[in-house]
Amino acid sequence: MTRPAWVPRHLPALDGLRGLAISLVLLYHCHTLLGHGLMARFAEFGWVGVNLFFVLSGFLISGIILDSRDDPRFFRNFYARRALRIWPVYVLLLLGNYVLLPSLLELNPHRAWQLTATAPWLYYVLFVQNLFFLPLPAPISPTWSLAIEEQFYLFWAPVGRLLKPKHLAAFLVAAFVASPILRACNTGFLTPTHTLVHLDGLAIGSLIAVLLRMDVLARRHWQRMSVIGMALGAAGVVLMLIRGTAFADTLLALGFAGMLLAAILPETRPSLYRRTLSSAPVKFLGTISYGLYMMHILVFVVIGTFEHWVRPYGTTVSNLAIVTARLLLSVGAATLLWNGFEKPILRLKSRFESPTQLAPAGEAATGKLLAKTASAD
């Protein structure tokens, strides 16, 4: 199972897709301050950025699993690299919420200790907070999707290594079909953030990674699949605007899969779409997207302690000032976090490279580039 030769070795557009996803999420968490115009209507559906993250994660992580499954130290290397990517920022977020915020909010020590002592720490440690009806603090609310990712890593790594490709493909198709059905049937017995009702994106991204390596479709067929996927995604957007449905997420996942394919398929001349995804600002947002996703609500809450200073200047003006401050300070904080905290820690991942990333030379370059592209997963 190897990637076909026509798939480019370097995929900068995937960082751009990640940058697009985090931009949507940021706008979503600001949409109540944008009034009632077109921009607010667009931002209201920015939650779909998380679906795009899931598709990208399924594609990239499944690719890493499949490309290194013959590594005798597969599990040690895979889980060590994922821990280095995920845990440090996660721990920093927990400390920010339970240590930094109480001091900024000027809570007395006893009240601050009560908040810390009564927190669901066991759920945080096990990454299962999305499976239970827990009242999570706002800054920690993004961790529901992180919990899904961690459960995906834990389950999918042994499955992806042991099953034959055709069985992997069949399993992923079944998961992709079953998840929206379960979502439609969920009357409250599962949380809205439960892993089983959010498998569409992970499954379709993983399926693309598997089928590419099985080499069952020619490049022209993948191009057609890209167009079909984006058309179905557009139908999902229309359906979402007209009425809510449990199957809108599935259509959106197919649309994002089409966007993913359009980003990785080679072109004789870069399209506007590819040039946009490869532009420096969008790629930069993709690079810092993990820290930005995890920390932005914490930054918003910190800013909230100072918002009373701008409120007297009129609703529209003050709201736009608050949104601007939120976005600039979130990106600034994530940039510092990336350069001063994440990047030094990620250098340790080189100690856990599989032999497939070291030889032959061409494949080593591919493996390192994919690993770099997957750095936010």
Protein backbone atom coordinates (compact mmCIF):
# COMPACT_ATOMS: atom_id res chain seq x y z
CA MET A 1 0.00 0.00 0.00
CA THR A 2 1.77 3.12 -1.26
CA ARG A 3 0.61 6.51 -2.35
CA PRO A 4 0.22 6.78 -6.14
CA ALA A 5 2.95 8.65 -7.95
CA TRP A 6 0.59 11.38 -9.15
CA VAL A 7 -0.16 12.58 -5.61
CA PRO A 8 2.26 15.45 -4.93
CA ARG A 9 4.87 14.81 -2.27
CA HIS A 10 4.42 18.26 -0.78
CA LEU A 11 0.87 19.26 0.09
CA PRO A 12 0.89 22.89 1.29
CA ALA A 13 -2.78 23.26 0.39
CA LEU A 14 -3.70 21.01 3.32
CA ASP A 15 -2.34 23.61 5.72
CA GLY A 16 -4.54 26.06 3.84
CA LEU A 17 -7.59 23.86 4.39
CA ARG A 18 -6.79 23.76 8.07
CA GLY A 19 -6.47 27.54 8.04
CA LEU A 20 -9.91 27.77 6.42
CA ALA A 21 -11.36 25.47 9.08
CA ILE A 22 -10.04 27.47 12.02
CA SER A 23 -11.20 30.73 10.42
CA LEU A 24 -14.74 29.36 10.25
CA VAL A 25 -14.63 28.29 13.90
CA LEU A 26 -13.36 31.70 15.03
CA LEU A 27 -16.11 33.49 13.13
CA TYR A 28 -18.72 31.14 14.59
CA HIS A 29 -17.71 32.03 18.12
CA CYS A 30 -18.04 35.74 17.25
CA HIS A 31 -21.28 35.58 15.28
CA THR A 32 -23.50 36.95 18.06
CA LEU A 33 -21.53 40.22 17.91
CA LEU A 34 -21.88 40.67 14.15
CA GLY A 35 -25.47 41.89 14.08
CA HIS A 36 -28.00 40.41 11.66
CA GLY A 37 -26.42 40.99 8.27
CA LEU A 38 -24.93 38.64 5.70
CA MET A 39 -21.65 38.31 7.59
CA ALA A 40 -23.44 37.26 10.75
CA ARG A 41 -25.51 34.74 8.78
CA PHE A 42 -22.35 33.28 7.28
CA ALA A 43 -20.53 33.19 10.64
CA GLU A 44 -23.49 31.45 12.26
CA PHE A 45 -22.60 28.31 10.32
CA GLY A 46 -18.89 28.47 11.08
CA TRP A 47 -19.23 25.38 13.26
CA VAL A 48 -18.81 23.35 10.06
CA GLY A 49 -15.09 24.09 10.37
CA VAL A 50 -14.90 21.27 12.90
CA ASN A 51 -16.27 18.87 10.25
CA LEU A 52 -13.47 19.95 7.92
CA PHE A 53 -10.94 19.27 10.68
CA PHE A 54 -12.35 15.76 11.03
CA VAL A 55 -12.01 15.03 7.30
CA LEU A 56 -8.42 16.28 7.27
CA SER A 57 -7.54 14.35 10.40
CA GLY A 58 -8.99 11.11 9.03
CA PHE A 59 -7.03 11.52 5.80
CA LEU A 60 -3.69 12.49 7.35
CA ILE A 61 -3.69 10.17 10.35
CA SER A 62 -4.88 7.17 8.34
CA GLY A 63 -2.14 7.90 5.82
CA ILE A 64 0.46 7.92 8.58
CA ILE A 65 -0.89 4.64 9.98
CA LEU A 66 -0.93 2.91 6.59
CA ASP A 67 2.52 4.15 5.58
CA SER A 68 4.15 2.98 8.80
CA ARG A 69 2.19 -0.16 9.64
CA ASP A 70 5.20 -2.42 9.00
CA ASP A 71 7.25 -0.55 11.58
CA PRO A 72 8.18 -2.97 14.43
CA ARG A 73 7.83 -0.05 16.84
CA PHE A 74 4.60 1.13 15.26
CA PHE A 75 2.56 1.64 18.43
CA ARG A 76 5.35 3.29 20.43
CA ASN A 77 6.16 5.71 17.63
CA PHE A 78 2.57 6.49 16.68
CA TYR A 79 1.25 7.17 20.17
CA ALA A 80 4.39 9.03 21.30
CA ARG A 81 4.12 11.40 18.34
CA ARG A 82 0.42 11.95 18.93
CA ALA A 83 1.04 12.63 22.64
CA LEU A 84 3.71 15.21 21.82
CA ARG A 85 1.31 16.91 19.44
CA ILE A 86 -1.83 16.86 21.62
CA TRP A 87 -1.06 16.72 25.34
CA PRO A 88 1.18 19.76 26.05
CA VAL A 89 -1.30 22.34 24.73
CA TYR A 90 -4.18 20.42 26.31
CA VAL A 91 -2.52 20.53 29.74
CA LEU A 92 -1.74 24.21 29.24
CA LEU A 93 -5.42 24.89 28.50
CA LEU A 94 -6.51 23.12 31.68
CA LEU A 95 -4.02 25.17 33.70
CA GLY A 96 -5.21 28.36 32.02
CA ASN A 97 -8.81 27.63 32.92
CA TYR A 98 -8.27 26.48 36.50
CA VAL A 99 -5.29 28.66 37.50
CA LEU A 100 -5.14 31.76 35.28
CA LEU A 101 -8.85 32.59 34.98
CA PRO A 102 -9.70 32.45 38.71
CA SER A 103 -6.98 35.01 39.40
CA LEU A 104 -8.15 37.29 36.57
CA LEU A 105 -11.75 37.03 37.72
CA GLU A 106 -10.57 37.88 41.23
CA LEU A 107 -12.17 34.85 42.83
CA ASN A 108 -11.25 34.27 46.46
CA PRO A 109 -8.86 31.33 47.02
CA HIS A 110 -11.57 29.14 48.54
CA ARG A 111 -13.91 29.64 45.57
CA ALA A 112 -11.05 29.03 43.13
CA TRP A 113 -10.12 25.83 44.93
CA GLN A 114 -13.74 24.66 44.83
CA LEU A 115 -13.81 25.07 41.03
CA THR A 116 -10.61 23.09 40.67
CA ALA A 117 -11.52 20.39 43.16
CA THR A 118 -14.96 19.74 41.66
CA ALA A 119 -13.74 19.64 38.03
CA PRO A 120 -14.25 16.30 36.21
CA TRP A 121 -10.52 15.56 36.11
CA LEU A 122 -10.90 11.84 35.44
CA TYR A 123 -12.90 12.59 32.29
CA TYR A 124 -10.25 15.07 31.15
CA VAL A 125 -7.42 12.61 31.73
CA LEU A 126 -9.21 9.82 29.86
CA PHE A 127 -10.42 12.14 27.07
CA VAL A 128 -14.04 11.03 27.46
CA GLN A 129 -15.67 14.37 28.36
CA ASN A 130 -17.62 14.25 25.08
CA LEU A 131 -19.34 10.99 26.04
CA PHE A 132 -21.07 12.29 29.15
CA PHE A 133 -23.47 15.12 29.92
CA LEU A 134 -20.94 17.31 31.71
CA PRO A 135 -21.21 21.09 32.31
CA LEU A 136 -17.78 22.01 30.93
CA PRO A 137 -16.41 25.54 31.42
CA ALA A 138 -16.53 27.60 28.23
CA PRO A 139 -12.73 27.69 27.66
CA ILE A 140 -12.62 23.89 27.74
CA SER A 141 -15.62 23.38 25.46
CA PRO A 142 -13.48 22.88 22.30
CA THR A 143 -12.02 19.74 23.87
CA TRP A 144 -15.07 17.70 22.86
CA SER A 145 -13.64 17.34 19.36
CA LEU A 146 -10.16 16.69 20.76
CA ALA A 147 -11.63 13.82 22.77
CA ILE A 148 -13.08 12.35 19.57
CA GLU A 149 -9.66 12.63 17.92
CA GLU A 150 -7.96 10.86 20.83
CA GLN A 151 -10.51 8.05 20.80
CA PHE A 152 -10.01 7.78 17.04
CA TYR A 153 -6.23 7.44 17.50
CA LEU A 154 -6.65 4.80 20.19
CA PHE A 155 -9.06 2.67 18.19
CA TRP A 156 -7.97 3.23 14.61
CA ALA A 157 -4.22 2.64 14.95
CA PRO A 158 -4.47 -1.11 15.75
CA VAL A 159 -7.37 -1.58 13.31
CA GLY A 160 -5.55 0.24 10.52
CA ARG A 161 -2.43 -1.79 11.10
CA LEU A 162 -3.97 -5.24 11.33
CA LEU A 163 -6.87 -5.33 8.85
CA LYS A 164 -6.45 -5.87 5.13
CA PRO A 165 -7.10 -2.81 2.94
CA LYS A 166 -10.40 -4.10 1.53
CA HIS A 167 -11.65 -4.79 5.06
CA LEU A 168 -10.60 -1.30 6.16
CA ALA A 169 -12.52 0.20 3.25
CA ALA A 170 -15.64 -1.83 4.08
CA PHE A 171 -15.42 -0.85 7.74
CA LEU A 172 -15.13 2.84 6.88
CA VAL A 173 -18.08 2.73 4.51
CA ALA A 174 -20.15 1.11 7.25
CA ALA A 175 -19.10 3.79 9.76
CA PHE A 176 -19.88 6.56 7.29
CA VAL A 177 -23.40 5.19 6.70
CA ALA A 178 -24.15 4.27 10.31
CA SER A 179 -23.14 7.57 11.93
CA PRO A 180 -25.87 9.80 10.41
CA ILE A 181 -28.48 7.10 10.99
CA LEU A 182 -27.51 6.94 14.65
CA ARG A 183 -27.54 10.75 14.76
CA ALA A 184 -31.08 10.79 13.36
CA CYS A 185 -32.21 8.22 15.90
CA ASN A 186 -30.55 9.93 18.86
CA THR A 187 -33.37 11.16 21.08
CA GLY A 188 -31.10 12.16 23.94
CA PHE A 189 -29.54 8.86 25.00
CA LEU A 190 -26.23 10.03 23.48
CA THR A 191 -24.64 13.42 23.96
CA PRO A 192 -24.64 15.75 20.92
CA THR A 193 -20.83 15.48 20.99
CA HIS A 194 -20.69 11.69 21.19
CA THR A 195 -18.07 10.07 18.99
CA LEU A 196 -20.52 7.69 17.32
CA VAL A 197 -22.57 10.57 15.89
CA HIS A 198 -19.52 12.38 14.48
CA LEU A 199 -17.79 9.66 12.47
CA ASP A 200 -18.78 10.93 9.00
CA GLY A 201 -15.81 13.21 8.48
CA LEU A 202 -13.22 10.90 10.01
CA ALA A 203 -14.56 7.97 8.00
CA ILE A 204 -14.60 9.71 4.60
CA GLY A 205 -11.15 11.21 5.12
CA SER A 206 -9.76 7.83 6.15
CA LEU A 207 -11.50 6.13 3.22
CA ILE A 208 -9.77 8.47 0.76
CA ALA A 209 -6.40 7.61 2.34
CA VAL A 210 -7.10 3.87 2.06
CA LEU A 211 -8.43 3.93 -1.51
CA LEU A 212 -5.53 6.07 -2.71
CA ARG A 213 -3.10 3.46 -1.46
CA MET A 214 -5.15 0.58 -2.87
CA ASP A 215 -4.86 2.34 -6.26
CA VAL A 216 -8.37 1.30 -7.28
CA LEU A 217 -9.20 4.55 -9.08
CA ALA A 218 -7.34 6.42 -11.79
CA ARG A 219 -6.59 10.10 -11.36
CA ARG A 220 -9.41 11.16 -13.69
CA HIS A 221 -11.87 9.24 -11.52
CA TRP A 222 -10.64 11.02 -8.42
CA GLN A 223 -11.15 14.32 -10.21
CA ARG A 224 -14.75 13.38 -10.91
CA MET A 225 -15.20 12.28 -7.32
CA SER A 226 -13.92 15.68 -6.21
CA VAL A 227 -16.53 17.50 -8.30
CA ILE A 228 -19.31 15.17 -7.15
CA GLY A 229 -18.28 15.58 -3.51
CA MET A 230 -18.32 19.38 -3.70
CA ALA A 231 -21.72 19.30 -5.43
CA LEU A 232 -23.11 17.13 -2.62
CA GLY A 233 -21.56 19.50 -0.10
CA ALA A 234 -23.33 22.42 -1.75
CA ALA A 235 -26.59 20.46 -1.48
CA GLY A 236 -25.82 19.98 2.21
CA VAL A 237 -25.39 23.74 2.66
CA VAL A 238 -28.75 24.40 0.98
CA LEU A 239 -30.40 21.71 3.10
CA MET A 240 -28.85 23.17 6.23
CA LEU A 241 -30.13 26.65 5.40
CA ILE A 242 -33.66 25.45 4.65
CA ARG A 243 -34.09 23.08 7.56
CA GLY A 244 -31.97 21.20 10.03
CA THR A 245 -31.37 17.52 9.34
CA ALA A 246 -29.19 14.79 10.74
CA PHE A 247 -27.85 14.13 7.23
CA ALA A 248 -26.58 17.66 6.54
CA ASP A 249 -23.30 16.84 8.30
CA THR A 250 -22.87 13.82 6.03
CA LEU A 251 -23.32 15.91 2.89
CA LEU A 252 -20.94 18.50 4.29
CA ALA A 253 -18.37 15.77 4.97
CA LEU A 254 -18.65 14.71 1.33
CA GLY A 255 -18.22 18.34 0.28
CA PHE A 256 -15.10 18.70 2.39
CA ALA A 257 -13.81 15.43 0.97
CA GLY A 258 -14.25 16.96 -2.50
CA MET A 259 -12.32 20.02 -1.36
CA LEU A 260 -9.58 17.80 0.02
CA LEU A 261 -9.27 15.93 -3.27
CA ALA A 262 -9.20 19.20 -5.21
CA ALA A 263 -6.34 20.32 -2.95
CA ILE A 264 -4.17 17.22 -3.48
CA LEU A 265 -4.85 16.45 -7.16
CA PRO A 266 -2.03 17.73 -9.39
CA GLU A 267 -2.74 20.63 -11.74
CA THR A 268 -0.91 21.90 -14.80
CA ARG A 269 -1.73 25.46 -13.68
CA PRO A 270 -2.64 26.31 -10.07
CA SER A 271 -6.30 27.28 -9.78
CA LEU A 272 -7.55 30.23 -7.74
CA TYR A 273 -8.70 27.70 -5.15
CA ARG A 274 -5.24 26.15 -4.84
CA ARG A 275 -3.51 29.52 -4.86
CA THR A 276 -5.77 30.71 -2.04
CA LEU A 277 -5.07 27.65 0.07
CA SER A 278 -1.34 27.99 -0.58
CA SER A 279 -1.21 31.70 0.27
CA ALA A 280 1.01 32.61 3.20
CA PRO A 281 -1.71 34.01 5.56
CA VAL A 282 -4.03 31.02 5.14
CA LYS A 283 -1.18 28.52 5.48
CA PHE A 284 0.05 30.33 8.59
CA LEU A 285 -3.37 30.05 10.22
CA GLY A 286 -3.24 26.35 9.38
CA THR A 287 0.16 26.02 11.00
CA ILE A 288 -0.99 27.51 14.31
CA SER A 289 -4.52 26.10 14.05
CA TYR A 290 -4.30 23.54 16.86
CA GLY A 291 -3.19 26.02 19.51
CA LEU A 292 -5.58 28.62 18.10
CA TYR A 293 -8.50 26.20 18.23
CA MET A 294 -7.74 25.09 21.76
CA MET A 295 -7.01 28.51 23.28
CA HIS A 296 -9.26 30.99 21.47
CA ILE A 297 -12.23 30.80 23.85
CA LEU A 298 -9.89 31.19 26.83
CA VAL A 299 -8.58 34.36 25.16
CA PHE A 300 -12.16 35.50 24.52
CA VAL A 301 -13.01 35.05 28.21
CA VAL A 302 -9.93 36.99 29.28
CA ILE A 303 -10.86 39.81 26.89
CA GLY A 304 -14.37 39.73 28.31
CA THR A 305 -13.06 41.04 31.63
CA PHE A 306 -12.13 44.29 29.81
CA GLU A 307 -15.07 44.62 27.40
CA HIS A 308 -16.85 47.12 29.64
CA TRP A 309 -14.30 49.70 28.52
CA VAL A 310 -15.62 49.75 24.94
CA ARG A 311 -19.34 49.15 25.55
CA PRO A 312 -20.25 52.86 25.94
CA TYR A 313 -19.20 53.66 22.35
CA GLY A 314 -22.31 52.23 20.74
CA THR A 315 -23.39 48.68 20.06
CA THR A 316 -22.15 48.28 16.47
CA VAL A 317 -18.82 50.04 16.98
CA SER A 318 -18.09 48.37 20.28
CA ASN A 319 -19.04 44.92 18.99
CA LEU A 320 -16.78 45.27 15.97
CA ALA A 321 -13.98 46.45 18.24
CA ILE A 322 -14.48 43.42 20.47
CA VAL A 323 -14.50 41.01 17.49
CA THR A 324 -11.34 42.61 16.12
CA ALA A 325 -9.63 42.36 19.49
CA ARG A 326 -10.69 38.74 19.87
CA LEU A 327 -9.33 37.72 16.49
CA LEU A 328 -6.06 39.65 16.70
CA LEU A 329 -5.25 38.64 20.25
CA SER A 330 -6.21 34.99 19.64
CA VAL A 331 -3.96 34.78 16.59
CA GLY A 332 -1.20 36.59 18.47
CA ALA A 333 -1.44 34.27 21.46
CA ALA A 334 -1.49 31.19 19.20
CA THR A 335 1.57 32.50 17.32
CA LEU A 336 3.51 32.87 20.56
CA LEU A 337 2.30 29.48 21.68
CA TRP A 338 3.44 27.87 18.42
CA ASN A 339 6.89 29.43 18.34
CA GLY A 340 7.68 29.34 22.04
CA PHE A 341 5.96 26.15 23.18
CA GLU A 342 4.61 23.82 20.49
CA LYS A 343 7.45 23.91 17.97
CA PRO A 344 10.23 23.08 20.48
CA ILE A 345 8.20 20.16 21.82
CA LEU A 346 7.41 18.87 18.31
CA ARG A 347 11.13 18.58 17.57
CA LEU A 348 11.09 15.60 19.91
CA LYS A 349 8.91 13.74 17.38
CA SER A 350 12.06 13.02 15.37
CA ARG A 351 13.00 10.48 18.05
CA PHE A 352 9.96 8.43 17.13
CA GLU A 353 10.20 8.18 13.35
CA SER A 354 9.42 4.87 11.71
CA PRO A 355 11.91 3.20 9.33
CA THR A 356 9.54 3.93 6.44
CA GLN A 357 10.26 7.61 7.01
CA LEU A 358 13.99 7.01 6.77
CA ALA A 359 14.28 4.88 3.59
CA PRO A 360 14.20 5.00 0.68
CA ALA A 361 15.13 8.66 0.28
CA GLY A 362 12.08 9.65 -1.77
CA GLU A 363 9.65 8.04 0.59
CA ALA A 364 11.48 9.54 3.56
CA ALA A 365 10.86 13.01 2.14
CA THR A 366 7.21 12.17 1.63
CA GLY A 367 6.83 10.83 5.15
CA LYS A 368 8.42 13.90 6.73
CA LEU A 369 6.36 16.28 4.65
CA LEU A 370 3.16 14.44 5.53
CA ALA A 371 4.19 14.41 9.17
CA LYS A 372 4.75 18.17 8.99
CA THR A 373 1.42 18.68 7.26
CA ALA A 374 -0.27 16.57 9.95
CA SER A 375 1.37 18.51 12.78
CA ALA A 376 -1.95 19.97 13.92
CA ASP A 377 -3.60 16.56 14.28
